[in-house]
Amino acid sequence: MDATEQLNHVLPDLTDTVRRIQVMQMNDPTPCSEFTVHGVLDHMMVGAATFTYLFRGEEPPTIEPPAVYGWVPVKEFGEAMDDLLDAVSSPGATERTLPTPMGDLPGETFARFVAFDGLIHGWDLTTATGQPYDPPEELVATVDEFARAAITPDMRAAGMFAAPTEPPADADRLERLVAFSGRTVRGE
């Protein structure tokens, strides 16, 4: 499963997840200790908008998160994810070298990091808001294989990724990947 196929699953699933978030959940904590639900949405919308420019081979402007709002930004989030998917699917996007937060990377590699990030933040959002989360096993396996090969100790030391945690003995593949990302799974 290439990066574009991964994002074709992850990004629409994220938008569906956001559609089910209730306004009263926006300030709830998430398993991503740095962010509330609102913070995850802002982080993802800013990242998607910035990465859209990168995948199109353009210099991104400084993008700020949306203003404080009293609603769930379903429309804004969906548009950001659609724009990102369109950019990743554009001619040459996965072949060009992109200036990413992790240094210059081939577009295909960076798109795989975006899929990993989206899959993990999808788990954060569904866990925080009590929603089911059941991404396809093939997607989880492909993202897991990539993440374990691509995330280096130097990336963790630089604060790009948290130290892995120990998943419960009965953890499924997604939960093991989530623990690898640094999240605590099921209170362990």
Protein backbone atom coordinates (compact mmCIF):
# COMPACT_ATOMS: atom_id res chain seq x y z
CA MET A 1 0.00 0.00 0.00
CA ASP A 2 1.70 3.22 -1.13
CA ALA A 3 1.50 6.50 0.78
CA THR A 4 -1.31 7.92 -1.34
CA GLU A 5 -3.43 4.81 -0.74
CA GLN A 6 -2.73 5.11 2.99
CA LEU A 7 -3.85 8.73 3.03
CA ASN A 8 -6.95 7.83 1.00
CA HIS A 9 -8.00 5.81 4.07
CA VAL A 10 -6.63 7.94 6.89
CA LEU A 11 -7.76 11.43 5.88
CA PRO A 12 -11.44 10.66 5.15
CA ASP A 13 -11.59 8.57 8.35
CA LEU A 14 -10.27 11.54 10.29
CA THR A 15 -12.93 13.80 8.83
CA ASP A 16 -15.63 11.26 9.76
CA THR A 17 -14.23 11.16 13.28
CA VAL A 18 -14.36 14.96 13.54
CA ARG A 19 -18.01 14.92 12.36
CA ARG A 20 -18.88 12.85 15.44
CA ILE A 21 -17.11 15.09 17.98
CA GLN A 22 -19.46 17.04 20.24
CA VAL A 23 -18.80 20.71 21.06
CA MET A 24 -18.62 19.86 24.77
CA GLN A 25 -15.67 17.51 24.03
CA MET A 26 -13.45 20.15 22.42
CA ASN A 27 -11.50 20.92 25.61
CA ASP A 28 -11.20 17.30 26.73
CA PRO A 29 -7.69 15.87 27.12
CA THR A 30 -6.38 13.36 24.59
CA PRO A 31 -3.80 10.57 24.87
CA CYS A 32 -1.45 13.00 23.07
CA SER A 33 -0.41 14.73 26.27
CA GLU A 34 0.38 18.00 24.50
CA PHE A 35 -3.13 18.52 23.14
CA THR A 36 -6.80 18.70 23.97
CA VAL A 37 -9.27 17.62 21.29
CA HIS A 38 -9.29 21.24 20.09
CA GLY A 39 -5.49 21.25 20.05
CA VAL A 40 -5.29 18.06 17.97
CA LEU A 41 -7.70 19.55 15.43
CA ASP A 42 -5.72 22.81 15.22
CA HIS A 43 -2.43 20.90 14.95
CA MET A 44 -3.79 18.75 12.15
CA MET A 45 -5.37 21.62 10.21
CA VAL A 46 -2.20 23.73 10.37
CA GLY A 47 -0.06 20.73 9.43
CA ALA A 48 -2.36 19.78 6.55
CA ALA A 49 -2.39 23.32 5.19
CA THR A 50 1.39 23.63 5.45
CA PHE A 51 2.04 20.21 3.94
CA THR A 52 -0.36 20.96 1.07
CA TYR A 53 2.02 23.69 -0.08
CA LEU A 54 5.04 21.40 0.30
CA PHE A 55 3.50 18.60 -1.75
CA ARG A 56 2.68 21.11 -4.47
CA GLY A 57 6.29 22.27 -4.53
CA GLU A 58 5.43 25.69 -3.12
CA GLU A 59 6.80 27.66 -0.18
CA PRO A 60 4.19 27.60 2.58
CA PRO A 61 3.21 30.85 4.25
CA THR A 62 3.02 31.00 8.03
CA ILE A 63 -0.25 29.32 8.88
CA GLU A 64 -1.95 29.95 12.19
CA PRO A 65 -4.60 27.75 13.78
CA PRO A 66 -8.16 28.99 13.47
CA ALA A 67 -9.45 31.40 16.06
CA VAL A 68 -11.13 30.05 19.15
CA TYR A 69 -14.52 28.80 18.12
CA GLY A 70 -17.65 27.55 19.84
CA TRP A 71 -18.26 24.74 17.40
CA VAL A 72 -16.52 21.68 15.99
CA PRO A 73 -14.73 22.84 12.80
CA VAL A 74 -15.98 19.96 10.66
CA LYS A 75 -16.09 21.98 7.44
CA GLU A 76 -12.67 23.57 7.95
CA PHE A 77 -11.09 20.27 8.96
CA GLY A 78 -12.60 18.42 6.01
CA GLU A 79 -11.42 21.08 3.56
CA ALA A 80 -7.88 20.93 4.97
CA MET A 81 -7.79 17.13 4.65
CA ASP A 82 -9.27 17.24 1.12
CA ASP A 83 -6.70 19.84 0.05
CA LEU A 84 -3.88 17.74 1.48
CA LEU A 85 -5.08 14.58 -0.26
CA ASP A 86 -5.40 16.49 -3.53
CA ALA A 87 -1.85 17.86 -3.14
CA VAL A 88 -0.33 14.45 -2.33
CA SER A 89 -2.11 13.03 -5.38
CA SER A 90 -0.90 15.81 -7.70
CA PRO A 91 1.69 15.04 -10.40
CA GLY A 92 5.21 14.77 -8.99
CA ALA A 93 4.20 15.25 -5.35
CA THR A 94 5.59 11.97 -4.09
CA GLU A 95 8.65 12.07 -6.34
CA ARG A 96 10.00 15.49 -5.36
CA THR A 97 12.18 16.16 -2.34
CA LEU A 98 10.34 18.19 0.29
CA PRO A 99 11.73 20.47 3.01
CA THR A 100 9.94 18.87 5.98
CA PRO A 101 10.16 19.38 9.75
CA MET A 102 12.42 16.27 9.73
CA GLY A 103 14.73 17.61 7.05
CA ASP A 104 14.62 17.09 3.31
CA LEU A 105 12.67 13.93 2.49
CA PRO A 106 11.28 12.30 -0.64
CA GLY A 107 7.57 13.10 -0.96
CA GLU A 108 6.63 9.42 -0.70
CA THR A 109 8.48 9.10 2.61
CA PHE A 110 7.00 12.28 4.03
CA ALA A 111 3.51 11.21 2.96
CA ARG A 112 4.07 7.99 4.94
CA PHE A 113 4.97 10.09 8.01
CA VAL A 114 1.76 12.08 7.46
CA ALA A 115 -0.23 8.83 7.28
CA PHE A 116 1.41 7.64 10.52
CA ASP A 117 0.65 10.95 12.22
CA GLY A 118 -2.93 10.91 10.99
CA LEU A 119 -3.52 7.32 12.06
CA ILE A 120 -2.17 8.01 15.55
CA HIS A 121 -4.08 11.29 15.95
CA GLY A 122 -7.22 9.47 14.77
CA TRP A 123 -6.70 7.09 17.68
CA ASP A 124 -6.15 10.08 19.99
CA LEU A 125 -9.41 11.70 18.91
CA THR A 126 -11.52 8.56 19.03
CA THR A 127 -10.10 7.56 22.39
CA ALA A 128 -10.72 11.03 23.84
CA THR A 129 -14.26 11.23 22.50
CA GLY A 130 -15.38 7.64 23.07
CA GLN A 131 -15.70 6.73 19.40
CA PRO A 132 -14.92 3.39 17.77
CA TYR A 133 -11.75 3.24 15.69
CA ASP A 134 -11.15 0.34 13.37
CA PRO A 135 -8.80 1.23 10.51
CA PRO A 136 -8.12 -1.57 8.01
CA GLU A 137 -5.59 -4.11 9.27
CA GLU A 138 -3.54 -3.78 6.06
CA LEU A 139 -3.25 -0.02 6.64
CA VAL A 140 -2.16 -0.47 10.26
CA ALA A 141 0.38 -3.13 9.25
CA THR A 142 1.86 -0.97 6.48
CA VAL A 143 2.08 2.14 8.67
CA ASP A 144 3.52 0.11 11.55
CA GLU A 145 6.23 -1.40 9.36
CA PHE A 146 7.19 2.04 8.04
CA ALA A 147 7.18 3.74 11.45
CA ARG A 148 9.38 1.14 13.10
CA ALA A 149 11.96 1.50 10.32
CA ALA A 150 11.76 5.29 9.97
CA ILE A 151 11.55 6.66 13.51
CA THR A 152 15.04 6.88 14.87
CA PRO A 153 16.30 7.44 18.42
CA ASP A 154 17.58 10.84 17.23
CA MET A 155 14.04 11.83 16.24
CA ARG A 156 12.81 10.85 19.68
CA ALA A 157 15.69 12.70 21.36
CA ALA A 158 14.85 15.83 19.35
CA GLY A 159 11.27 15.68 20.66
CA MET A 160 9.65 14.82 17.32
CA PHE A 161 8.34 11.58 18.82
CA ALA A 162 7.86 10.50 22.41
CA ALA A 163 9.59 7.48 23.89
CA PRO A 164 7.67 4.28 23.26
CA THR A 165 5.53 2.87 26.04
CA GLU A 166 4.84 -0.75 26.88
CA PRO A 167 1.49 -1.90 25.47
CA PRO A 168 -0.72 -4.33 27.38
CA ALA A 169 0.01 -8.01 26.73
CA ASP A 170 -3.27 -8.40 24.83
CA ALA A 171 -2.78 -5.26 22.70
CA ASP A 172 -3.81 -5.48 19.07
CA ARG A 173 -1.55 -4.25 16.28
CA LEU A 174 -2.99 -0.71 16.35
CA GLU A 175 -2.49 -0.46 20.11
CA ARG A 176 1.11 -1.70 19.75
CA LEU A 177 1.70 0.99 17.11
CA VAL A 178 0.11 3.61 19.36
CA ALA A 179 2.40 2.53 22.22
CA PHE A 180 5.37 2.72 19.84
CA SER A 181 4.36 6.33 19.14
CA GLY A 182 4.65 7.12 22.85
CA ARG A 183 1.00 6.95 23.94
CA THR A 184 -0.23 5.06 26.96
CA VAL A 185 -2.69 2.37 25.93
CA ARG A 186 -5.60 1.45 28.23
CA GLY A 187 -4.11 2.96 31.34
CA GLU A 188 -1.09 0.66 31.40
